[in-house]
Amino acid sequence: MPSFVEPVTLCDRGVRLEPLALDHESGLRAAATDGQLWTLRVTSVPEPENTRAYIEAALHTPDRFPFTVLNDVTGQVLGSTSYHDILPEVKRVEIGYTWYRKSVQNTHVNTTTKLLLMTHAFEHLHCSVVGWRTDTYNFASQRAIERLGAQKDGVIRGDALRRDGTVRDTVMYSMRSGEWPETKAHLLYLLAQHARG
């Protein structure tokens, strides 16, 4: 586990992020089944029968710290997200491996999750940069990242394999610590607008 990212539980607005554990297996399986998310070729959501292997892989990746996203009131598992490609020497983390059950997509859950992760990264871990990466064909993810105020750094061509065996190009984004205060104010505004309905 990277030394400067320690286990932590983060909560706000009915959303709880807690360190991913094998105990979350059944909840994650149910979350992925809500919308059959593993059928999307541009995501890393596990097939139901591979949920345990997905968790074990996440827990044993040296530069990754995975979280389970839960409803803080009911305890229902909503999805998962991670800090990854953690570089302590330059105080950089990326946020990714993020997915949610279909029934909470396009709600306040993603904005709240990103607010929690970015606040922790910039204000507690004192990161200089937070990054994101996504498939060139995952347009919904690109829009969501751009709504956060992240800047597009470029495209890495032929960067990784998709689940269907095709080779993907990866779009890279980042945000510097000096850009965080304005982004934080914007995220809080969006959540306030959502709360007002």
Protein backbone atom coordinates (compact mmCIF):
# COMPACT_ATOMS: atom_id res chain seq x y z
CA MET A 1 0.00 0.00 0.00
CA PRO A 2 1.41 3.43 -0.86
CA SER A 3 2.71 5.06 2.29
CA PHE A 4 1.00 8.42 1.98
CA VAL A 5 -2.48 7.03 1.19
CA GLU A 6 -3.66 5.48 4.45
CA PRO A 7 -6.98 3.67 5.00
CA VAL A 8 -9.77 6.20 5.52
CA THR A 9 -13.56 6.32 5.41
CA LEU A 10 -15.10 9.42 3.82
CA CYS A 11 -18.75 10.49 4.23
CA ASP A 12 -20.95 13.31 2.99
CA ARG A 13 -24.53 13.83 1.81
CA GLY A 14 -25.59 10.23 2.40
CA VAL A 15 -22.63 8.76 0.51
CA ARG A 16 -19.93 6.75 2.28
CA LEU A 17 -16.60 5.63 0.83
CA GLU A 18 -14.90 2.90 2.81
CA PRO A 19 -11.87 0.78 1.96
CA LEU A 20 -12.82 -2.07 -0.36
CA ALA A 21 -12.90 -5.48 1.33
CA LEU A 22 -13.91 -9.04 0.52
CA ASP A 23 -16.98 -8.45 2.71
CA HIS A 24 -18.31 -6.20 -0.07
CA GLU A 25 -18.45 -9.02 -2.62
CA SER A 26 -22.19 -9.68 -2.57
CA GLY A 27 -23.02 -5.96 -2.53
CA LEU A 28 -20.75 -5.23 -5.48
CA ARG A 29 -22.20 -8.17 -7.40
CA ALA A 30 -25.70 -6.78 -6.86
CA ALA A 31 -24.58 -3.29 -7.88
CA ALA A 32 -23.08 -4.54 -11.14
CA THR A 33 -26.22 -6.55 -11.86
CA ASP A 34 -28.27 -3.34 -11.61
CA GLY A 35 -28.00 -2.45 -15.30
CA GLN A 36 -25.79 -5.40 -16.33
CA LEU A 37 -22.85 -3.01 -16.29
CA TRP A 38 -20.26 -5.63 -17.20
CA THR A 39 -21.70 -5.74 -20.74
CA LEU A 40 -20.35 -2.23 -21.47
CA ARG A 41 -17.11 -2.61 -23.42
CA VAL A 42 -15.57 0.65 -22.16
CA THR A 43 -15.77 -0.11 -18.42
CA SER A 44 -13.98 -2.44 -16.01
CA VAL A 45 -17.09 -3.57 -14.10
CA PRO A 46 -16.74 -7.26 -13.19
CA GLU A 47 -19.03 -10.01 -14.39
CA PRO A 48 -21.00 -11.31 -11.37
CA GLU A 49 -19.02 -14.55 -11.19
CA ASN A 50 -15.73 -12.58 -11.24
CA THR A 51 -16.56 -10.15 -8.44
CA ARG A 52 -14.27 -11.79 -5.87
CA ALA A 53 -11.37 -11.89 -8.33
CA TYR A 54 -12.02 -8.21 -9.14
CA ILE A 55 -11.78 -7.30 -5.44
CA GLU A 56 -8.64 -9.38 -4.91
CA ALA A 57 -6.95 -7.80 -7.93
CA ALA A 58 -7.82 -4.30 -6.70
CA LEU A 59 -6.48 -5.06 -3.22
CA HIS A 60 -3.22 -6.47 -4.54
CA THR A 61 -2.35 -3.75 -7.05
CA PRO A 62 0.57 -1.90 -5.40
CA ASP A 63 -0.24 1.65 -6.58
CA ARG A 64 -4.01 1.46 -6.08
CA PHE A 65 -6.25 2.17 -3.08
CA PRO A 66 -9.84 1.01 -3.80
CA PHE A 67 -13.03 2.11 -2.10
CA THR A 68 -16.56 0.77 -1.97
CA VAL A 69 -19.23 3.45 -2.46
CA LEU A 70 -22.24 2.93 -0.17
CA ASN A 71 -25.50 4.57 0.82
CA ASP A 72 -24.55 5.85 4.26
CA VAL A 73 -28.09 5.36 5.60
CA THR A 74 -29.03 1.93 4.25
CA GLY A 75 -25.59 0.43 3.72
CA GLN A 76 -26.48 -0.54 0.15
CA VAL A 77 -23.42 -0.86 -2.07
CA LEU A 78 -23.66 1.69 -4.89
CA GLY A 79 -20.42 0.95 -6.70
CA SER A 80 -16.67 1.35 -6.44
CA THR A 81 -13.91 3.87 -7.07
CA SER A 82 -10.16 4.08 -6.48
CA TYR A 83 -7.11 6.19 -6.10
CA HIS A 84 -4.62 4.66 -8.52
CA ASP A 85 -1.30 5.30 -10.22
CA ILE A 86 -0.28 6.77 -6.88
CA LEU A 87 3.05 8.62 -7.05
CA PRO A 88 4.07 9.66 -3.51
CA GLU A 89 7.32 11.28 -4.66
CA VAL A 90 5.45 13.90 -6.71
CA LYS A 91 2.26 13.90 -4.63
CA ARG A 92 0.02 12.74 -7.46
CA VAL A 93 -2.93 10.37 -7.49
CA GLU A 94 -5.43 9.47 -10.16
CA ILE A 95 -9.13 8.81 -9.56
CA GLY A 96 -10.61 5.98 -11.55
CA TYR A 97 -12.01 2.46 -11.74
CA THR A 98 -15.25 4.28 -10.92
CA TRP A 99 -18.64 2.75 -11.56
CA TYR A 100 -22.10 2.87 -9.99
CA ARG A 101 -25.25 0.77 -10.12
CA LYS A 102 -27.48 2.06 -12.90
CA SER A 103 -30.21 3.23 -10.50
CA VAL A 104 -27.93 5.91 -8.97
CA GLN A 105 -26.26 7.11 -12.15
CA ASN A 106 -27.06 10.75 -12.99
CA THR A 107 -27.79 11.50 -9.32
CA HIS A 108 -25.72 13.37 -6.72
CA VAL A 109 -23.69 10.21 -5.96
CA ASN A 110 -20.89 10.75 -8.48
CA THR A 111 -20.49 14.46 -7.70
CA THR A 112 -20.38 13.70 -3.96
CA THR A 113 -17.90 10.88 -4.46
CA LYS A 114 -15.59 13.10 -6.50
CA LEU A 115 -15.91 15.91 -3.93
CA LEU A 116 -14.89 13.49 -1.16
CA LEU A 117 -11.94 12.06 -3.08
CA MET A 118 -10.66 15.40 -4.35
CA THR A 119 -11.03 17.10 -0.96
CA HIS A 120 -9.07 14.29 0.67
CA ALA A 121 -6.42 14.31 -2.06
CA PHE A 122 -5.82 18.05 -2.13
CA GLU A 123 -6.52 19.05 1.48
CA HIS A 124 -5.33 16.02 3.49
CA LEU A 125 -2.81 14.24 1.26
CA HIS A 126 -1.60 17.62 -0.07
CA CYS A 127 -1.47 16.35 -3.64
CA SER A 128 -0.02 18.62 -6.29
CA VAL A 129 -1.99 16.96 -9.08
CA VAL A 130 -5.05 14.73 -9.37
CA GLY A 131 -5.50 12.88 -12.66
CA TRP A 132 -8.11 10.90 -14.54
CA ARG A 133 -7.98 8.63 -17.58
CA THR A 134 -10.72 7.11 -19.69
CA ASP A 135 -11.38 5.29 -22.94
CA THR A 136 -11.63 7.51 -26.01
CA TYR A 137 -15.04 5.95 -26.65
CA ASN A 138 -16.33 6.48 -23.12
CA PHE A 139 -17.93 9.82 -23.90
CA ALA A 140 -20.07 9.86 -20.75
CA SER A 141 -16.95 9.53 -18.61
CA GLN A 142 -15.17 12.28 -20.54
CA ARG A 143 -18.12 14.64 -20.04
CA ALA A 144 -18.23 13.83 -16.32
CA ILE A 145 -14.50 14.49 -15.91
CA GLU A 146 -14.71 17.75 -17.85
CA ARG A 147 -17.64 18.88 -15.69
CA LEU A 148 -15.28 18.62 -12.72
CA GLY A 149 -13.08 21.28 -14.30
CA ALA A 150 -10.21 18.92 -15.16
CA GLN A 151 -8.00 19.85 -18.11
CA LYS A 152 -7.45 17.47 -21.01
CA ASP A 153 -3.75 16.61 -21.21
CA GLY A 154 -3.89 14.50 -24.35
CA VAL A 155 -4.43 11.01 -25.70
CA ILE A 156 -2.18 7.98 -25.24
CA ARG A 157 -2.66 5.85 -28.32
CA GLY A 158 -2.72 2.05 -28.10
CA ASP A 159 -2.58 2.21 -24.30
CA ALA A 160 -4.54 -0.80 -23.03
CA LEU A 161 -6.77 -3.73 -23.88
CA ARG A 162 -10.53 -3.56 -23.51
CA ARG A 163 -12.47 -6.52 -22.15
CA ASP A 164 -13.37 -7.53 -25.71
CA GLY A 165 -9.70 -7.71 -26.71
CA THR A 166 -9.61 -4.54 -28.79
CA VAL A 167 -6.89 -1.99 -28.11
CA ARG A 168 -8.03 1.30 -26.64
CA ASP A 169 -6.70 4.83 -26.79
CA THR A 170 -6.76 6.60 -23.42
CA VAL A 171 -7.74 10.23 -22.80
CA MET A 172 -5.75 11.80 -19.95
CA TYR A 173 -6.97 14.65 -17.73
CA SER A 174 -5.54 16.43 -14.70
CA MET A 175 -6.13 19.16 -12.16
CA ARG A 176 -3.49 21.08 -10.19
CA SER A 177 -3.85 22.04 -6.55
CA GLY A 178 -4.17 25.73 -7.44
CA GLU A 179 -7.26 24.94 -9.52
CA TRP A 180 -8.97 23.04 -6.70
CA PRO A 181 -10.61 25.94 -4.76
CA GLU A 182 -12.67 27.04 -7.78
CA THR A 183 -13.57 23.46 -8.62
CA LYS A 184 -14.62 22.78 -5.03
CA ALA A 185 -16.87 25.84 -5.04
CA HIS A 186 -18.44 24.64 -8.31
CA LEU A 187 -19.07 21.11 -6.98
CA LEU A 188 -20.66 22.50 -3.82
CA TYR A 189 -22.87 24.73 -5.99
CA LEU A 190 -23.97 21.74 -8.09
CA LEU A 191 -24.81 19.72 -4.98
CA ALA A 192 -26.76 22.63 -3.50
CA GLN A 193 -28.73 22.94 -6.75
CA HIS A 194 -29.47 19.21 -6.67
CA ALA A 195 -30.63 19.39 -3.04
CA ARG A 196 -33.09 22.14 -3.96
CA GLY A 197 -34.52 19.84 -6.63
